[in-house]
Amino acid sequence: MLAVDLVIEPPANIKQLARNYNAKLFEISKSGFAFDEFHAPHITIAQLYIKEENLIKVIDAITSVLKNIKPIHLNSSKLDAGPQFGPG
């Protein structure tokens, strides 16, 4: 079995912004995690297990769907880290 994660990877400037916020939050509370070479900012769409022999079929199916999807634009007006970090 293979673990498959389907994610949206944000543009470089948004990833850097997320890394900066993550580093600040990690300084305050070590209970979370810090982004590093193995943990990158992203939006998870799906997580699943598949049989290894189905990998190409899954890639082809996802590629087929993605061909018909237009880019999305996300906006945010506030960052709220939750009560454990104090007022946002």
C-alpha atoms as a PDB file:
ATOM      1  CA  MET A   1       0.000   0.000   0.000  1.00  0.00           C
ATOM      2  CA  LEU A   2       1.077   3.552  -0.709  1.00  0.00           C
ATOM      3  CA  ALA A   3       0.035   6.652   1.196  1.00  0.00           C
ATOM      4  CA  VAL A   4      -1.060   9.378  -1.218  1.00  0.00           C
ATOM      5  CA  ASP A   5      -1.511  13.015  -0.264  1.00  0.00           C
ATOM      6  CA  LEU A   6      -3.168  15.336  -2.776  1.00  0.00           C
ATOM      7  CA  VAL A   7      -2.290  18.927  -1.893  1.00  0.00           C
ATOM      8  CA  ILE A   8      -2.443  22.462  -3.211  1.00  0.00           C
ATOM      9  CA  GLU A   9       0.986  24.009  -3.019  1.00  0.00           C
ATOM     10  CA  PRO A  10       0.795  27.793  -2.594  1.00  0.00           C
ATOM     11  CA  PRO A  11       2.998  30.214  -4.519  1.00  0.00           C
ATOM     12  CA  ALA A  12       6.504  30.874  -3.175  1.00  0.00           C
ATOM     13  CA  ASN A  13       5.592  34.218  -1.568  1.00  0.00           C
ATOM     14  CA  ILE A  14       2.697  32.647   0.363  1.00  0.00           C
ATOM     15  CA  LYS A  15       4.826  29.682   1.429  1.00  0.00           C
ATOM     16  CA  GLN A  16       7.452  32.091   2.766  1.00  0.00           C
ATOM     17  CA  LEU A  17       4.800  34.075   4.633  1.00  0.00           C
ATOM     18  CA  ALA A  18       3.490  30.849   6.188  1.00  0.00           C
ATOM     19  CA  ARG A  19       7.029  29.817   7.146  1.00  0.00           C
ATOM     20  CA  ASN A  20       7.584  33.203   8.822  1.00  0.00           C
ATOM     21  CA  TYR A  21       4.351  32.948  10.839  1.00  0.00           C
ATOM     22  CA  ASN A  22       5.122  29.331  11.699  1.00  0.00           C
ATOM     23  CA  ALA A  23       8.569  30.272  13.035  1.00  0.00           C
ATOM     24  CA  LYS A  24       7.068  33.046  15.200  1.00  0.00           C
ATOM     25  CA  LEU A  25       4.412  30.703  16.594  1.00  0.00           C
ATOM     26  CA  PHE A  26       6.972  27.968  17.231  1.00  0.00           C
ATOM     27  CA  GLU A  27       9.036  30.438  19.298  1.00  0.00           C
ATOM     28  CA  ILE A  28       5.986  31.018  21.505  1.00  0.00           C
ATOM     29  CA  SER A  29       4.860  27.411  21.856  1.00  0.00           C
ATOM     30  CA  LYS A  30       7.020  24.394  21.116  1.00  0.00           C
ATOM     31  CA  SER A  31       3.913  22.185  21.203  1.00  0.00           C
ATOM     32  CA  GLY A  32       3.345  22.509  17.455  1.00  0.00           C
ATOM     33  CA  PHE A  33       5.786  21.821  14.674  1.00  0.00           C
ATOM     34  CA  ALA A  34       8.200  23.902  12.666  1.00  0.00           C
ATOM     35  CA  PHE A  35       8.211  23.865   8.884  1.00  0.00           C
ATOM     36  CA  ASP A  36      11.397  22.318   7.547  1.00  0.00           C
ATOM     37  CA  GLU A  37      12.570  20.399   4.482  1.00  0.00           C
ATOM     38  CA  PHE A  38      10.084  17.614   5.321  1.00  0.00           C
ATOM     39  CA  HIS A  39       7.114  19.799   6.355  1.00  0.00           C
ATOM     40  CA  ALA A  40       5.961  22.474   3.918  1.00  0.00           C
ATOM     41  CA  PRO A  41       2.994  24.858   3.874  1.00  0.00           C
ATOM     42  CA  HIS A  42       0.142  23.392   1.808  1.00  0.00           C
ATOM     43  CA  ILE A  43      -3.609  22.776   1.696  1.00  0.00           C
ATOM     44  CA  THR A  44      -4.548  19.102   1.918  1.00  0.00           C
ATOM     45  CA  ILE A  45      -7.265  18.048  -0.532  1.00  0.00           C
ATOM     46  CA  ALA A  46      -7.218  14.280   0.079  1.00  0.00           C
ATOM     47  CA  GLN A  47      -5.248  11.604   1.894  1.00  0.00           C
ATOM     48  CA  LEU A  48      -5.682   7.961   0.970  1.00  0.00           C
ATOM     49  CA  TYR A  49      -4.023   4.598   0.676  1.00  0.00           C
ATOM     50  CA  ILE A  50      -3.813   2.847  -2.681  1.00  0.00           C
ATOM     51  CA  LYS A  51      -2.379  -0.391  -3.944  1.00  0.00           C
ATOM     52  CA  GLU A  52       1.000   0.205  -5.529  1.00  0.00           C
ATOM     53  CA  GLU A  53      -0.132  -1.402  -8.785  1.00  0.00           C
ATOM     54  CA  ASN A  54      -2.882   1.265  -9.056  1.00  0.00           C
ATOM     55  CA  LEU A  55      -0.533   4.243  -8.787  1.00  0.00           C
ATOM     56  CA  ILE A  56      -0.480   5.061 -12.524  1.00  0.00           C
ATOM     57  CA  LYS A  57      -4.289   4.749 -12.722  1.00  0.00           C
ATOM     58  CA  VAL A  58      -4.678   7.157  -9.782  1.00  0.00           C
ATOM     59  CA  ILE A  59      -2.194   9.640 -11.267  1.00  0.00           C
ATOM     60  CA  ASP A  60      -4.013   9.487 -14.617  1.00  0.00           C
ATOM     61  CA  ALA A  61      -7.407  10.011 -12.939  1.00  0.00           C
ATOM     62  CA  ILE A  62      -6.189  12.985 -10.898  1.00  0.00           C
ATOM     63  CA  THR A  63      -4.456  14.509 -13.935  1.00  0.00           C
ATOM     64  CA  SER A  64      -7.659  14.146 -15.956  1.00  0.00           C
ATOM     65  CA  VAL A  65      -9.663  16.001 -13.315  1.00  0.00           C
ATOM     66  CA  LEU A  66      -7.045  18.716 -12.814  1.00  0.00           C
ATOM     67  CA  LYS A  67      -6.998  19.553 -16.538  1.00  0.00           C
ATOM     68  CA  ASN A  68     -10.517  20.961 -16.135  1.00  0.00           C
ATOM     69  CA  ILE A  69      -9.973  22.960 -12.956  1.00  0.00           C
ATOM     70  CA  LYS A  70      -9.267  26.669 -13.107  1.00  0.00           C
ATOM     71  CA  PRO A  71      -6.825  28.267 -10.654  1.00  0.00           C
ATOM     72  CA  ILE A  72      -8.327  29.366  -7.358  1.00  0.00           C
ATOM     73  CA  HIS A  73      -7.667  32.665  -5.653  1.00  0.00           C
ATOM     74  CA  LEU A  74      -7.577  32.687  -1.858  1.00  0.00           C
ATOM     75  CA  ASN A  75      -7.701  35.794   0.287  1.00  0.00           C
ATOM     76  CA  SER A  76      -7.277  36.331   3.989  1.00  0.00           C
ATOM     77  CA  SER A  77      -7.877  39.395   6.086  1.00  0.00           C
ATOM     78  CA  LYS A  78      -6.804  38.060   9.493  1.00  0.00           C
ATOM     79  CA  LEU A  79      -4.466  35.522  11.025  1.00  0.00           C
ATOM     80  CA  ASP A  80      -5.778  33.931  14.216  1.00  0.00           C
ATOM     81  CA  ALA A  81      -3.452  31.435  15.862  1.00  0.00           C
ATOM     82  CA  GLY A  82      -5.923  30.474  18.571  1.00  0.00           C
ATOM     83  CA  PRO A  83      -6.240  31.275  22.262  1.00  0.00           C
ATOM     84  CA  GLN A  84      -3.031  29.474  23.263  1.00  0.00           C
ATOM     85  CA  PHE A  85      -1.019  32.190  21.488  1.00  0.00           C
ATOM     86  CA  GLY A  86      -2.846  35.238  22.859  1.00  0.00           C
ATOM     87  CA  PRO A  87      -4.799  37.883  20.969  1.00  0.00           C
ATOM     88  CA  GLY A  88      -4.459  37.855  17.150  1.00  0.00           C
END
